Amino acid sequence: MLEKSNLLTEIGRMLPSLVLGECLDIRSYKRNRTIVICREDVTHYLLIENGFVQQDMKGSEAFILKALKKVVKKEFPRSNKLRIYREGVTDPYALSTLKRKTL
């Protein structure tokens, strides 16, 4: 669990250490909306938004961090705590629909 205000700093620290194919799964406290960030190659990442809006974005680390700031405001407007799961090498599209325990 992480404060929403610290999310961008924490993700910025975690992105360079991801190996190819490894993903970060960001969920609301209730686990009903999700954002998945997956490393595609050395310089590019994939961001999958699955909540109010379903969309994919590809880009560099700077682009993903800038897009993440906008997506977090849209997907988690009233959430103060967010959950981050560091997943191994996996299919990011299957991960975005993975059902975890809900509250």
N, C-alpha and C. Protein backbone atom coordinates (compact mmCIF):
# COMPACT_ATOMS: atom_id res chain seq x y z
N MET A 1 0.85 -1.17 0.00
CA MET A 1 0.00 0.00 0.00
C MET A 1 0.90 1.24 0.00
N LEU A 2 0.47 2.20 -0.77
CA LEU A 2 1.28 3.39 -0.96
C LEU A 2 0.36 4.60 -1.04
N GLU A 3 0.79 5.72 -0.49
CA GLU A 3 0.05 6.96 -0.62
C GLU A 3 0.05 7.38 -2.09
N LYS A 4 -1.08 7.90 -2.55
CA LYS A 4 -1.17 8.33 -3.94
C LYS A 4 -0.18 9.46 -4.24
N SER A 5 0.10 10.30 -3.27
CA SER A 5 1.02 11.42 -3.48
C SER A 5 2.46 10.94 -3.72
N ASN A 6 2.81 9.74 -3.27
CA ASN A 6 4.16 9.20 -3.45
C ASN A 6 4.26 8.26 -4.65
N LEU A 7 3.19 8.05 -5.36
CA LEU A 7 3.16 7.05 -6.43
C LEU A 7 4.15 7.34 -7.55
N LEU A 8 4.15 8.56 -8.08
CA LEU A 8 5.02 8.87 -9.22
C LEU A 8 6.50 8.74 -8.85
N THR A 9 6.87 9.13 -7.66
CA THR A 9 8.25 8.99 -7.21
C THR A 9 8.64 7.52 -7.13
N GLU A 10 7.77 6.72 -6.56
CA GLU A 10 8.04 5.29 -6.40
C GLU A 10 8.10 4.58 -7.76
N ILE A 11 7.17 4.89 -8.65
CA ILE A 11 7.17 4.27 -9.99
C ILE A 11 8.41 4.70 -10.76
N GLY A 12 8.79 5.98 -10.66
CA GLY A 12 10.01 6.46 -11.32
C GLY A 12 11.24 5.75 -10.84
N ARG A 13 11.26 5.34 -9.58
CA ARG A 13 12.38 4.59 -9.04
C ARG A 13 12.35 3.14 -9.49
N MET A 14 11.16 2.57 -9.67
CA MET A 14 11.03 1.15 -10.00
C MET A 14 11.18 0.86 -11.50
N LEU A 15 10.79 1.78 -12.37
CA LEU A 15 10.81 1.52 -13.81
C LEU A 15 12.18 1.11 -14.35
N PRO A 16 13.26 1.80 -14.04
CA PRO A 16 14.56 1.40 -14.62
C PRO A 16 15.02 0.01 -14.18
N SER A 17 14.53 -0.46 -13.05
CA SER A 17 15.00 -1.76 -12.55
C SER A 17 14.17 -2.94 -13.09
N LEU A 18 13.12 -2.66 -13.87
CA LEU A 18 12.33 -3.75 -14.46
C LEU A 18 13.13 -4.47 -15.54
N VAL A 19 13.02 -5.78 -15.59
CA VAL A 19 13.64 -6.54 -16.68
C VAL A 19 12.63 -6.65 -17.82
N LEU A 20 13.09 -7.05 -18.99
CA LEU A 20 12.19 -7.14 -20.14
C LEU A 20 11.04 -8.09 -19.85
N GLY A 21 9.81 -7.62 -20.07
CA GLY A 21 8.63 -8.43 -19.86
C GLY A 21 8.06 -8.35 -18.46
N GLU A 22 8.78 -7.77 -17.52
CA GLU A 22 8.29 -7.65 -16.14
C GLU A 22 7.28 -6.50 -16.05
N CYS A 23 6.31 -6.64 -15.16
CA CYS A 23 5.21 -5.68 -15.08
C CYS A 23 5.00 -5.15 -13.67
N LEU A 24 4.43 -3.94 -13.60
CA LEU A 24 3.95 -3.37 -12.35
C LEU A 24 2.43 -3.25 -12.46
N ASP A 25 1.74 -3.73 -11.46
CA ASP A 25 0.28 -3.71 -11.43
C ASP A 25 -0.14 -2.73 -10.34
N ILE A 26 -0.76 -1.62 -10.73
CA ILE A 26 -1.20 -0.59 -9.78
C ILE A 26 -2.71 -0.69 -9.68
N ARG A 27 -3.22 -0.85 -8.46
CA ARG A 27 -4.66 -1.00 -8.25
C ARG A 27 -5.15 -0.07 -7.16
N SER A 28 -6.44 0.23 -7.23
CA SER A 28 -7.06 1.03 -6.18
C SER A 28 -7.14 0.19 -4.91
N TYR A 29 -7.49 0.83 -3.81
CA TYR A 29 -7.59 0.10 -2.54
C TYR A 29 -8.60 -1.04 -2.65
N LYS A 30 -9.71 -0.81 -3.36
CA LYS A 30 -10.74 -1.84 -3.51
C LYS A 30 -10.39 -2.86 -4.59
N ARG A 31 -9.32 -2.63 -5.33
CA ARG A 31 -8.83 -3.52 -6.40
C ARG A 31 -9.79 -3.66 -7.58
N ASN A 32 -10.62 -2.65 -7.82
CA ASN A 32 -11.57 -2.76 -8.91
C ASN A 32 -11.13 -2.01 -10.17
N ARG A 33 -10.10 -1.17 -10.09
CA ARG A 33 -9.55 -0.48 -11.26
C ARG A 33 -8.04 -0.72 -11.26
N THR A 34 -7.48 -0.81 -12.46
CA THR A 34 -6.07 -1.20 -12.53
C THR A 34 -5.33 -0.45 -13.63
N ILE A 35 -4.03 -0.25 -13.40
CA ILE A 35 -3.10 0.27 -14.39
C ILE A 35 -1.91 -0.69 -14.39
N VAL A 36 -1.52 -1.16 -15.56
CA VAL A 36 -0.38 -2.08 -15.68
C VAL A 36 0.69 -1.39 -16.52
N ILE A 37 1.92 -1.41 -16.02
CA ILE A 37 3.07 -0.90 -16.76
C ILE A 37 4.02 -2.06 -16.98
N CYS A 38 4.36 -2.31 -18.25
CA CYS A 38 5.22 -3.44 -18.60
C CYS A 38 6.37 -2.94 -19.46
N ARG A 39 7.55 -3.48 -19.22
CA ARG A 39 8.72 -3.11 -20.01
C ARG A 39 8.75 -3.95 -21.28
N GLU A 40 8.71 -3.28 -22.43
CA GLU A 40 8.71 -3.98 -23.72
C GLU A 40 10.11 -4.21 -24.26
N ASP A 41 10.95 -3.18 -24.21
CA ASP A 41 12.35 -3.33 -24.61
C ASP A 41 13.18 -2.38 -23.76
N VAL A 42 14.40 -2.14 -24.15
CA VAL A 42 15.33 -1.39 -23.30
C VAL A 42 14.82 0.02 -22.99
N THR A 43 14.19 0.68 -23.96
CA THR A 43 13.79 2.07 -23.75
C THR A 43 12.28 2.29 -23.76
N HIS A 44 11.47 1.29 -24.09
CA HIS A 44 10.03 1.51 -24.23
C HIS A 44 9.22 0.68 -23.23
N TYR A 45 8.12 1.28 -22.81
CA TYR A 45 7.21 0.67 -21.85
C TYR A 45 5.80 0.66 -22.43
N LEU A 46 4.96 -0.21 -21.89
CA LEU A 46 3.55 -0.30 -22.27
C LEU A 46 2.73 0.01 -21.03
N LEU A 47 1.78 0.94 -21.15
CA LEU A 47 0.88 1.29 -20.06
C LEU A 47 -0.53 0.88 -20.47
N ILE A 48 -1.17 0.02 -19.67
CA ILE A 48 -2.51 -0.45 -19.95
C ILE A 48 -3.43 0.08 -18.85
N GLU A 49 -4.44 0.82 -19.26
CA GLU A 49 -5.42 1.39 -18.32
C GLU A 49 -6.69 0.56 -18.42
N ASN A 50 -7.16 0.05 -17.29
CA ASN A 50 -8.37 -0.78 -17.27
C ASN A 50 -9.22 -0.36 -16.08
N GLY A 51 -10.16 0.53 -16.33
CA GLY A 51 -11.02 1.05 -15.27
C GLY A 51 -12.19 1.77 -15.91
N PHE A 52 -12.26 3.08 -15.70
CA PHE A 52 -13.31 3.88 -16.34
C PHE A 52 -13.11 3.86 -17.85
N VAL A 53 -11.85 3.85 -18.28
CA VAL A 53 -11.50 3.84 -19.70
C VAL A 53 -10.53 2.69 -19.92
N GLN A 54 -10.67 1.98 -21.05
CA GLN A 54 -9.73 0.92 -21.41
C GLN A 54 -8.89 1.43 -22.58
N GLN A 55 -7.58 1.61 -22.33
CA GLN A 55 -6.70 2.06 -23.41
C GLN A 55 -5.27 1.62 -23.13
N ASP A 56 -4.46 1.63 -24.20
CA ASP A 56 -3.05 1.25 -24.14
C ASP A 56 -2.22 2.44 -24.61
N MET A 57 -1.03 2.60 -24.02
CA MET A 57 -0.09 3.63 -24.46
C MET A 57 1.30 3.01 -24.47
N LYS A 58 2.09 3.39 -25.45
CA LYS A 58 3.47 2.93 -25.53
C LYS A 58 4.36 4.16 -25.60
N GLY A 59 5.53 4.07 -24.95
CA GLY A 59 6.44 5.20 -25.02
C GLY A 59 7.64 5.01 -24.13
N SER A 60 8.44 6.06 -24.08
CA SER A 60 9.65 6.06 -23.26
C SER A 60 9.29 6.23 -21.79
N GLU A 61 10.28 6.16 -20.94
CA GLU A 61 10.04 6.28 -19.50
C GLU A 61 9.44 7.65 -19.15
N ALA A 62 9.96 8.71 -19.75
CA ALA A 62 9.46 10.06 -19.47
C ALA A 62 8.00 10.20 -19.92
N PHE A 63 7.68 9.66 -21.10
CA PHE A 63 6.30 9.73 -21.60
C PHE A 63 5.35 8.94 -20.69
N ILE A 64 5.77 7.77 -20.26
CA ILE A 64 4.93 6.92 -19.40
C ILE A 64 4.67 7.60 -18.06
N LEU A 65 5.69 8.23 -17.48
CA LEU A 65 5.50 8.91 -16.20
C LEU A 65 4.55 10.10 -16.34
N LYS A 66 4.65 10.83 -17.45
CA LYS A 66 3.76 11.96 -17.68
C LYS A 66 2.32 11.47 -17.91
N ALA A 67 2.17 10.40 -18.68
CA ALA A 67 0.85 9.84 -18.93
C ALA A 67 0.27 9.23 -17.66
N LEU A 68 1.11 8.62 -16.84
CA LEU A 68 0.66 8.01 -15.60
C LEU A 68 0.05 9.06 -14.66
N LYS A 69 0.63 10.23 -14.63
CA LYS A 69 0.10 11.30 -13.78
C LYS A 69 -1.35 11.64 -14.17
N LYS A 70 -1.62 11.72 -15.47
CA LYS A 70 -2.98 12.01 -15.95
C LYS A 70 -3.92 10.84 -15.70
N VAL A 71 -3.43 9.63 -15.94
CA VAL A 71 -4.26 8.44 -15.78
C VAL A 71 -4.64 8.22 -14.32
N VAL A 72 -3.71 8.48 -13.41
CA VAL A 72 -3.99 8.30 -11.98
C VAL A 72 -5.08 9.26 -11.53
N LYS A 73 -5.04 10.51 -12.01
CA LYS A 73 -6.09 11.47 -11.65
C LYS A 73 -7.45 11.03 -12.17
N LYS A 74 -7.47 10.40 -13.35
CA LYS A 74 -8.72 9.96 -13.95
C LYS A 74 -9.25 8.67 -13.31
N GLU A 75 -8.38 7.70 -13.07
CA GLU A 75 -8.80 6.39 -12.57
C GLU A 75 -9.01 6.35 -11.06
N PHE A 76 -8.22 7.11 -10.32
CA PHE A 76 -8.28 7.07 -8.85
C PHE A 76 -8.55 8.45 -8.27
N PRO A 77 -9.68 9.08 -8.60
CA PRO A 77 -9.90 10.46 -8.17
C PRO A 77 -10.05 10.64 -6.66
N ARG A 78 -10.63 9.67 -5.97
CA ARG A 78 -10.87 9.80 -4.54
C ARG A 78 -10.07 8.83 -3.70
N SER A 79 -9.20 8.05 -4.33
CA SER A 79 -8.39 7.08 -3.59
C SER A 79 -7.19 7.78 -2.96
N ASN A 80 -6.90 7.45 -1.72
CA ASN A 80 -5.70 7.97 -1.07
C ASN A 80 -4.60 6.92 -1.01
N LYS A 81 -4.99 5.66 -0.95
CA LYS A 81 -4.04 4.55 -0.88
C LYS A 81 -4.16 3.71 -2.15
N LEU A 82 -3.01 3.32 -2.69
CA LEU A 82 -2.98 2.48 -3.88
C LEU A 82 -2.12 1.26 -3.59
N ARG A 83 -2.38 0.20 -4.31
CA ARG A 83 -1.62 -1.04 -4.16
C ARG A 83 -0.73 -1.21 -5.39
N ILE A 84 0.52 -1.60 -5.16
CA ILE A 84 1.45 -1.89 -6.26
C ILE A 84 1.90 -3.33 -6.12
N TYR A 85 1.72 -4.10 -7.18
CA TYR A 85 2.18 -5.48 -7.24
C TYR A 85 3.26 -5.56 -8.31
N ARG A 86 4.42 -6.08 -7.95
CA ARG A 86 5.49 -6.28 -8.93
C ARG A 86 5.38 -7.71 -9.42
N GLU A 87 4.99 -7.86 -10.68
CA GLU A 87 4.78 -9.18 -11.27
C GLU A 87 6.01 -9.57 -12.08
N GLY A 88 6.22 -10.83 -12.20
CA GLY A 88 7.33 -11.34 -13.00
C GLY A 88 7.03 -11.17 -14.48
N VAL A 89 7.79 -11.86 -15.29
CA VAL A 89 7.58 -11.82 -16.73
C VAL A 89 6.26 -12.51 -17.04
N THR A 90 5.31 -11.75 -17.53
CA THR A 90 3.97 -12.27 -17.78
C THR A 90 3.29 -11.47 -18.88
N ASP A 91 2.14 -11.94 -19.32
CA ASP A 91 1.35 -11.25 -20.34
C ASP A 91 0.64 -10.07 -19.67
N PRO A 92 0.92 -8.83 -20.07
CA PRO A 92 0.31 -7.68 -19.39
C PRO A 92 -1.20 -7.60 -19.59
N TYR A 93 -1.71 -8.10 -20.72
CA TYR A 93 -3.16 -8.03 -20.96
C TYR A 93 -3.91 -9.01 -20.06
N ALA A 94 -3.32 -10.16 -19.80
CA ALA A 94 -3.94 -11.12 -18.87
C ALA A 94 -3.87 -10.59 -17.45
N LEU A 95 -2.81 -9.88 -17.14
CA LEU A 95 -2.63 -9.33 -15.80
C LEU A 95 -3.64 -8.23 -15.50
N SER A 96 -3.99 -7.42 -16.51
CA SER A 96 -4.92 -6.32 -16.28
C SER A 96 -6.34 -6.81 -15.99
N THR A 97 -6.65 -8.03 -16.40
CA THR A 97 -7.98 -8.58 -16.11
C THR A 97 -7.97 -9.60 -14.98
N LEU A 98 -6.81 -9.83 -14.38
CA LEU A 98 -6.68 -10.78 -13.29
C LEU A 98 -7.53 -10.32 -12.10
N LYS A 99 -8.34 -11.20 -11.57
CA LYS A 99 -9.19 -10.87 -10.44
C LYS A 99 -8.47 -11.18 -9.15
N ARG A 100 -8.30 -10.16 -8.35
CA ARG A 100 -7.72 -10.33 -7.03
C ARG A 100 -8.85 -10.18 -6.02
N LYS A 101 -8.59 -10.53 -4.78
CA LYS A 101 -9.60 -10.41 -3.74
C LYS A 101 -10.11 -8.97 -3.69
N THR A 102 -11.41 -8.78 -3.64
CA THR A 102 -11.99 -7.45 -3.58
C THR A 102 -12.62 -7.23 -2.22
N LEU A 103 -12.69 -5.97 -1.84
CA LEU A 103 -13.28 -5.59 -0.56
C LEU A 103 -14.74 -5.25 -0.72
